[in-house]
């Protein structure tokens, strides 16, 4: 099983969190993402992405969200990096949290 996400770069995570969730579940099931039902039937993808966007100062968000998607328990944790867990199994090494590229001012 391949436990990597499409769209990760050395500079951080550049895919939306909602796409990463669908990718993680499809990886867990070993199916194409298009074979899964739409994520919006369980959670609003735009709201999910907004929760983990960088702060207005450009720093990463911190927090944890848990929900069910098509019978799978999903946990998304954002601290020093972004980690997505499906049914208790981390689906990739934590990736650096996305930042806006701006320097934070104090």
Protein backbone atom coordinates (compact mmCIF):
# COMPACT_ATOMS: atom_id res chain seq x y z
CA UNK A 1 0.00 0.00 0.00
CA UNK A 2 1.31 3.44 -0.92
CA UNK A 3 1.11 5.81 2.07
CA UNK A 4 2.02 9.07 0.38
CA UNK A 5 -0.15 11.95 -0.74
CA UNK A 6 -0.31 13.57 -4.13
CA UNK A 7 0.70 17.20 -3.93
CA UNK A 8 3.19 17.23 -1.09
CA UNK A 9 6.30 19.31 -1.66
CA UNK A 10 9.43 20.16 0.27
CA UNK A 11 7.89 23.56 1.02
CA UNK A 12 4.78 22.16 2.67
CA UNK A 13 1.45 20.67 1.89
CA UNK A 14 0.01 22.18 -1.28
CA UNK A 15 -3.18 20.16 -1.78
CA UNK A 16 -6.41 20.96 0.01
CA UNK A 17 -7.12 19.00 3.18
CA UNK A 18 -10.39 17.75 1.67
CA UNK A 19 -8.53 16.22 -1.29
CA UNK A 20 -5.99 14.71 1.09
CA UNK A 21 -8.80 13.02 3.05
CA UNK A 22 -10.28 11.46 -0.08
CA UNK A 23 -6.79 10.41 -1.20
CA UNK A 24 -6.09 8.85 2.21
CA UNK A 25 -9.31 6.84 2.20
CA UNK A 26 -8.78 5.70 -1.38
CA UNK A 27 -5.24 4.63 -0.44
CA UNK A 28 -6.58 2.75 2.59
CA UNK A 29 -9.15 0.94 0.42
CA UNK A 30 -6.75 0.56 -2.52
CA UNK A 31 -9.24 2.12 -4.95
CA UNK A 32 -9.31 5.20 -7.14
CA UNK A 33 -10.56 8.39 -5.42
CA UNK A 34 -13.29 8.58 -8.07
CA UNK A 35 -14.73 5.30 -6.76
CA UNK A 36 -15.55 6.92 -3.40
CA UNK A 37 -18.74 8.86 -2.71
CA UNK A 38 -18.49 12.66 -2.60
CA UNK A 39 -16.96 13.96 0.62
CA UNK A 40 -19.66 16.64 0.85
CA UNK A 41 -22.18 13.96 1.79
CA UNK A 42 -20.40 13.79 5.19
CA UNK A 43 -18.67 17.14 5.69
CA UNK A 44 -18.44 20.48 3.88
CA UNK A 45 -15.09 20.32 1.99
CA UNK A 46 -14.79 24.12 1.81
CA UNK A 47 -15.27 24.43 5.57
CA UNK A 48 -12.76 21.62 6.15
CA UNK A 49 -10.16 23.36 3.99
CA UNK A 50 -10.82 26.70 5.71
CA UNK A 51 -10.23 25.18 9.16
CA UNK A 52 -6.66 24.29 8.26
CA UNK A 53 -5.68 27.32 6.14
CA UNK A 54 -2.80 29.46 7.42
CA UNK A 55 -3.60 32.18 9.92
CA UNK A 56 -3.90 35.80 8.78
CA UNK A 57 -0.33 36.30 9.93
CA UNK A 58 0.82 33.44 7.70
CA UNK A 59 1.45 30.85 10.40
CA UNK A 60 0.02 27.34 10.42
CA UNK A 61 -3.26 26.52 12.13
CA UNK A 62 -3.26 24.16 15.06
CA UNK A 63 -6.04 21.79 16.03
CA UNK A 64 -7.67 18.43 15.58
CA UNK A 65 -10.87 17.40 13.84
CA UNK A 66 -12.50 13.99 13.84
CA UNK A 67 -15.40 12.82 11.66
CA UNK A 68 -16.68 9.79 9.77
CA UNK A 69 -16.41 9.48 6.00
CA UNK A 70 -18.04 6.53 4.24
CA UNK A 71 -17.64 4.25 7.26
CA UNK A 72 -14.08 5.33 8.10
CA UNK A 73 -13.03 7.25 11.20
CA UNK A 74 -10.98 10.23 10.03
CA UNK A 75 -8.73 12.30 12.30
CA UNK A 76 -6.92 15.37 11.02
CA UNK A 77 -4.33 16.90 13.30
CA UNK A 78 -2.44 20.06 12.53
CA UNK A 79 0.44 21.05 14.77
CA UNK A 80 3.98 21.25 13.49
CA UNK A 81 2.71 19.33 10.48
CA UNK A 82 -0.48 17.92 9.02
CA UNK A 83 -1.36 14.30 9.82
CA UNK A 84 -4.38 12.42 8.51
CA UNK A 85 -5.37 9.18 10.20
CA UNK A 86 -7.89 6.71 8.77
CA UNK A 87 -9.33 4.17 11.21
CA UNK A 88 -6.48 4.84 13.63
CA UNK A 89 -3.73 4.36 11.02
CA UNK A 90 -1.61 7.36 9.97
CA UNK A 91 -1.78 7.50 6.20
CA UNK A 92 1.49 9.38 5.68
CA UNK A 93 4.34 10.89 7.58
CA UNK A 94 3.22 14.23 9.02
CA UNK A 95 3.77 16.90 6.38
CA UNK A 96 4.85 20.45 7.11
CA UNK A 97 1.84 22.65 7.70
CA UNK A 98 1.00 25.02 4.87
CA UNK A 99 1.97 28.64 5.29
CA UNK A 100 1.02 31.56 3.16
CA UNK A 101 4.63 32.46 2.35
CA UNK A 102 4.40 35.76 4.26
CA UNK A 103 6.57 36.46 7.24
CA UNK A 104 4.66 36.75 10.49
CA UNK A 105 5.11 40.05 12.27
CA UNK A 106 5.13 40.48 15.99
